[in-house]
Amino acid sequence: MGTTKKQTLQYSFEIIARLVQSHLDIWRENDSTKRLKLAGEVYAENIRVTDPAIILNGRRAVSDFIGQLLNQHPGFKFRIAKPVEVHHETAVLSWEFGPDTNPGAITGTDIFTISGDKISALLIIADGLTPQLN
């Protein structure tokens, strides 16, 4: 028996849900060794991350960037701001980054491209930090 479209779609949702949660775990991890190990499970080897401040290529560059970000903002953590949206090989995550006393200190959106069972590209939009068109 072949796989139905509904089964394939559900399988994709399950993969994407796991990847998004694991992505958040990476961005919450202070230990660089653990973070890089998790990155190997979630990100394609040649992942490209486009952040308002920098373009990163590869897991190690992404992990190092996260470490710097967490060091600059002690006590801050990432949280999901609203349900993740998914279609085809794309997922959209709205997030908050802040301390427990002000969880929405920084907000933004991650747009993922999924290839197979890994995140191959990530576009980060941080609210107020990217140019806006009128």
C-alpha atoms as a PDB file:
ATOM      1  CA  MET A   1       0.000   0.000   0.000  1.00  0.00           C
ATOM      2  CA  GLY A   2       1.290   3.462  -0.883  1.00  0.00           C
ATOM      3  CA  THR A   3       1.466   6.447   1.370  1.00  0.00           C
ATOM      4  CA  THR A   4      -1.527   8.740   1.044  1.00  0.00           C
ATOM      5  CA  LYS A   5      -1.197  12.501   0.657  1.00  0.00           C
ATOM      6  CA  LYS A   6      -2.685  12.984   4.149  1.00  0.00           C
ATOM      7  CA  GLN A   7      -0.113  10.605   5.692  1.00  0.00           C
ATOM      8  CA  THR A   8       2.742  12.397   3.894  1.00  0.00           C
ATOM      9  CA  LEU A   9       1.450  15.799   5.016  1.00  0.00           C
ATOM     10  CA  GLN A  10       1.075  14.615   8.623  1.00  0.00           C
ATOM     11  CA  TYR A  11       4.587  13.147   8.527  1.00  0.00           C
ATOM     12  CA  SER A  12       5.908  16.496   7.285  1.00  0.00           C
ATOM     13  CA  PHE A  13       4.118  18.331  10.091  1.00  0.00           C
ATOM     14  CA  GLU A  14       5.619  15.950  12.642  1.00  0.00           C
ATOM     15  CA  ILE A  15       9.124  16.449  11.243  1.00  0.00           C
ATOM     16  CA  ILE A  16       8.713  20.209  11.147  1.00  0.00           C
ATOM     17  CA  ALA A  17       7.294  20.363  14.684  1.00  0.00           C
ATOM     18  CA  ARG A  18      10.286  18.375  15.943  1.00  0.00           C
ATOM     19  CA  LEU A  19      12.741  20.578  14.033  1.00  0.00           C
ATOM     20  CA  VAL A  20      11.196  23.813  15.323  1.00  0.00           C
ATOM     21  CA  GLN A  21      11.267  22.611  18.933  1.00  0.00           C
ATOM     22  CA  SER A  22      14.854  21.393  18.557  1.00  0.00           C
ATOM     23  CA  HIS A  23      15.777  24.714  16.911  1.00  0.00           C
ATOM     24  CA  LEU A  24      14.490  26.513  20.008  1.00  0.00           C
ATOM     25  CA  ASP A  25      16.485  24.143  22.215  1.00  0.00           C
ATOM     26  CA  ILE A  26      19.628  25.112  20.288  1.00  0.00           C
ATOM     27  CA  TRP A  27      18.923  28.836  20.707  1.00  0.00           C
ATOM     28  CA  ARG A  28      18.382  28.321  24.466  1.00  0.00           C
ATOM     29  CA  GLU A  29      21.540  26.226  25.036  1.00  0.00           C
ATOM     30  CA  ASN A  30      24.459  27.981  26.752  1.00  0.00           C
ATOM     31  CA  ASP A  31      26.904  25.058  26.527  1.00  0.00           C
ATOM     32  CA  SER A  32      28.703  25.283  23.169  1.00  0.00           C
ATOM     33  CA  THR A  33      29.444  21.543  22.955  1.00  0.00           C
ATOM     34  CA  LYS A  34      25.807  20.581  23.567  1.00  0.00           C
ATOM     35  CA  ARG A  35      24.618  23.327  21.219  1.00  0.00           C
ATOM     36  CA  LEU A  36      26.848  22.146  18.364  1.00  0.00           C
ATOM     37  CA  LYS A  37      25.737  18.530  18.891  1.00  0.00           C
ATOM     38  CA  LEU A  38      22.074  19.573  18.735  1.00  0.00           C
ATOM     39  CA  ALA A  39      22.814  21.668  15.638  1.00  0.00           C
ATOM     40  CA  GLY A  40      24.130  18.547  13.919  1.00  0.00           C
ATOM     41  CA  GLU A  41      20.785  16.852  14.506  1.00  0.00           C
ATOM     42  CA  VAL A  42      18.663  19.767  13.279  1.00  0.00           C
ATOM     43  CA  TYR A  43      20.579  21.850  10.749  1.00  0.00           C
ATOM     44  CA  ALA A  44      21.948  20.815   7.372  1.00  0.00           C
ATOM     45  CA  GLU A  45      25.744  20.874   7.353  1.00  0.00           C
ATOM     46  CA  ASN A  46      25.788  23.902   5.079  1.00  0.00           C
ATOM     47  CA  ILE A  47      22.858  25.758   6.690  1.00  0.00           C
ATOM     48  CA  ARG A  48      22.593  29.417   5.711  1.00  0.00           C
ATOM     49  CA  VAL A  49      21.227  31.796   8.337  1.00  0.00           C
ATOM     50  CA  THR A  50      20.381  35.337   7.331  1.00  0.00           C
ATOM     51  CA  ASP A  51      20.127  37.579  10.392  1.00  0.00           C
ATOM     52  CA  PRO A  52      19.637  41.365  10.258  1.00  0.00           C
ATOM     53  CA  ALA A  53      23.251  41.818  11.395  1.00  0.00           C
ATOM     54  CA  ILE A  54      25.073  38.963   9.646  1.00  0.00           C
ATOM     55  CA  ILE A  55      24.875  36.054   7.205  1.00  0.00           C
ATOM     56  CA  LEU A  56      26.105  32.752   8.639  1.00  0.00           C
ATOM     57  CA  ASN A  57      27.102  29.606   6.771  1.00  0.00           C
ATOM     58  CA  GLY A  58      27.490  26.252   8.511  1.00  0.00           C
ATOM     59  CA  ARG A  59      26.573  24.794  11.884  1.00  0.00           C
ATOM     60  CA  ARG A  60      29.644  26.003  13.759  1.00  0.00           C
ATOM     61  CA  ALA A  61      29.164  29.614  12.658  1.00  0.00           C
ATOM     62  CA  VAL A  62      25.519  29.468  13.744  1.00  0.00           C
ATOM     63  CA  SER A  63      26.409  27.907  17.093  1.00  0.00           C
ATOM     64  CA  ASP A  64      29.112  30.510  17.739  1.00  0.00           C
ATOM     65  CA  PHE A  65      26.683  33.329  16.900  1.00  0.00           C
ATOM     66  CA  ILE A  66      24.092  31.918  19.311  1.00  0.00           C
ATOM     67  CA  GLY A  67      26.727  31.691  22.046  1.00  0.00           C
ATOM     68  CA  GLN A  68      27.635  35.354  21.561  1.00  0.00           C
ATOM     69  CA  LEU A  69      23.972  36.374  21.589  1.00  0.00           C
ATOM     70  CA  LEU A  70      23.246  34.465  24.809  1.00  0.00           C
ATOM     71  CA  ASN A  71      26.380  35.908  26.451  1.00  0.00           C
ATOM     72  CA  GLN A  72      25.252  39.439  25.532  1.00  0.00           C
ATOM     73  CA  HIS A  73      21.809  38.824  27.040  1.00  0.00           C
ATOM     74  CA  PRO A  74      22.203  36.781  30.247  1.00  0.00           C
ATOM     75  CA  GLY A  75      18.900  35.489  31.592  1.00  0.00           C
ATOM     76  CA  PHE A  76      17.119  35.918  28.254  1.00  0.00           C
ATOM     77  CA  LYS A  77      15.451  32.949  26.602  1.00  0.00           C
ATOM     78  CA  PHE A  78      13.476  32.285  23.458  1.00  0.00           C
ATOM     79  CA  ARG A  79       9.764  31.494  23.591  1.00  0.00           C
ATOM     80  CA  ILE A  80       7.161  30.757  20.935  1.00  0.00           C
ATOM     81  CA  ALA A  81       4.896  33.811  20.585  1.00  0.00           C
ATOM     82  CA  LYS A  82       2.125  32.196  18.519  1.00  0.00           C
ATOM     83  CA  PRO A  83       1.453  28.875  16.766  1.00  0.00           C
ATOM     84  CA  VAL A  84       3.956  27.863  14.095  1.00  0.00           C
ATOM     85  CA  GLU A  85       2.655  28.135  10.536  1.00  0.00           C
ATOM     86  CA  VAL A  86       3.625  25.481   7.981  1.00  0.00           C
ATOM     87  CA  HIS A  87       3.221  24.890   4.300  1.00  0.00           C
ATOM     88  CA  HIS A  88       5.227  22.773   1.897  1.00  0.00           C
ATOM     89  CA  GLU A  89       8.868  22.839   3.064  1.00  0.00           C
ATOM     90  CA  THR A  90       8.515  26.147   4.896  1.00  0.00           C
ATOM     91  CA  ALA A  91       7.746  26.962   8.522  1.00  0.00           C
ATOM     92  CA  VAL A  92       7.239  30.334  10.189  1.00  0.00           C
ATOM     93  CA  LEU A  93       7.976  30.797  13.884  1.00  0.00           C
ATOM     94  CA  SER A  94       7.042  33.980  15.739  1.00  0.00           C
ATOM     95  CA  TRP A  95       9.221  34.309  18.815  1.00  0.00           C
ATOM     96  CA  GLU A  96       9.955  36.392  21.884  1.00  0.00           C
ATOM     97  CA  PHE A  97      13.379  36.804  23.470  1.00  0.00           C
ATOM     98  CA  GLY A  98      13.692  38.213  26.937  1.00  0.00           C
ATOM     99  CA  PRO A  99      14.023  37.532  30.657  1.00  0.00           C
ATOM    100  CA  ASP A 100      11.180  36.046  32.680  1.00  0.00           C
ATOM    101  CA  THR A 101      10.245  39.572  33.836  1.00  0.00           C
ATOM    102  CA  ASN A 102       9.923  40.855  30.235  1.00  0.00           C
ATOM    103  CA  PRO A 103       9.624  37.868  27.874  1.00  0.00           C
ATOM    104  CA  GLY A 104       8.786  40.020  24.842  1.00  0.00           C
ATOM    105  CA  ALA A 105      11.744  42.400  25.176  1.00  0.00           C
ATOM    106  CA  ILE A 106      12.786  41.457  21.640  1.00  0.00           C
ATOM    107  CA  THR A 107      10.387  39.881  19.161  1.00  0.00           C
ATOM    108  CA  GLY A 108      10.696  38.523  15.682  1.00  0.00           C
ATOM    109  CA  THR A 109      10.059  35.844  13.132  1.00  0.00           C
ATOM    110  CA  ASP A 110      12.085  32.888  11.861  1.00  0.00           C
ATOM    111  CA  ILE A 111      11.326  31.552   8.399  1.00  0.00           C
ATOM    112  CA  PHE A 112      12.700  28.047   7.886  1.00  0.00           C
ATOM    113  CA  THR A 113      13.389  26.111   4.720  1.00  0.00           C
ATOM    114  CA  ILE A 114      13.265  22.368   5.372  1.00  0.00           C
ATOM    115  CA  SER A 115      15.176  19.918   3.184  1.00  0.00           C
ATOM    116  CA  GLY A 116      14.546  16.265   3.998  1.00  0.00           C
ATOM    117  CA  ASP A 117      14.688  16.071   7.768  1.00  0.00           C
ATOM    118  CA  LYS A 118      16.916  19.124   8.412  1.00  0.00           C
ATOM    119  CA  ILE A 119      16.641  22.883   8.371  1.00  0.00           C
ATOM    120  CA  SER A 120      18.681  24.061   5.380  1.00  0.00           C
ATOM    121  CA  ALA A 121      18.035  27.809   5.560  1.00  0.00           C
ATOM    122  CA  LEU A 122      16.785  30.265   8.146  1.00  0.00           C
ATOM    123  CA  LEU A 123      15.754  33.879   7.639  1.00  0.00           C
ATOM    124  CA  ILE A 124      15.559  35.842  10.887  1.00  0.00           C
ATOM    125  CA  ILE A 125      13.526  39.020  11.092  1.00  0.00           C
ATOM    126  CA  ALA A 126      13.917  40.863  14.387  1.00  0.00           C
ATOM    127  CA  ASP A 127      11.152  43.416  14.853  1.00  0.00           C
ATOM    128  CA  GLY A 128      12.489  46.961  14.764  1.00  0.00           C
ATOM    129  CA  LEU A 129      15.977  45.885  13.692  1.00  0.00           C
ATOM    130  CA  THR A 130      15.302  45.500   9.987  1.00  0.00           C
ATOM    131  CA  PRO A 131      14.603  48.301   7.509  1.00  0.00           C
ATOM    132  CA  GLN A 132      10.932  48.939   6.862  1.00  0.00           C
ATOM    133  CA  LEU A 133       9.314  50.160   3.656  1.00  0.00           C
ATOM    134  CA  ASN A 134       6.493  52.670   3.835  1.00  0.00           C
END
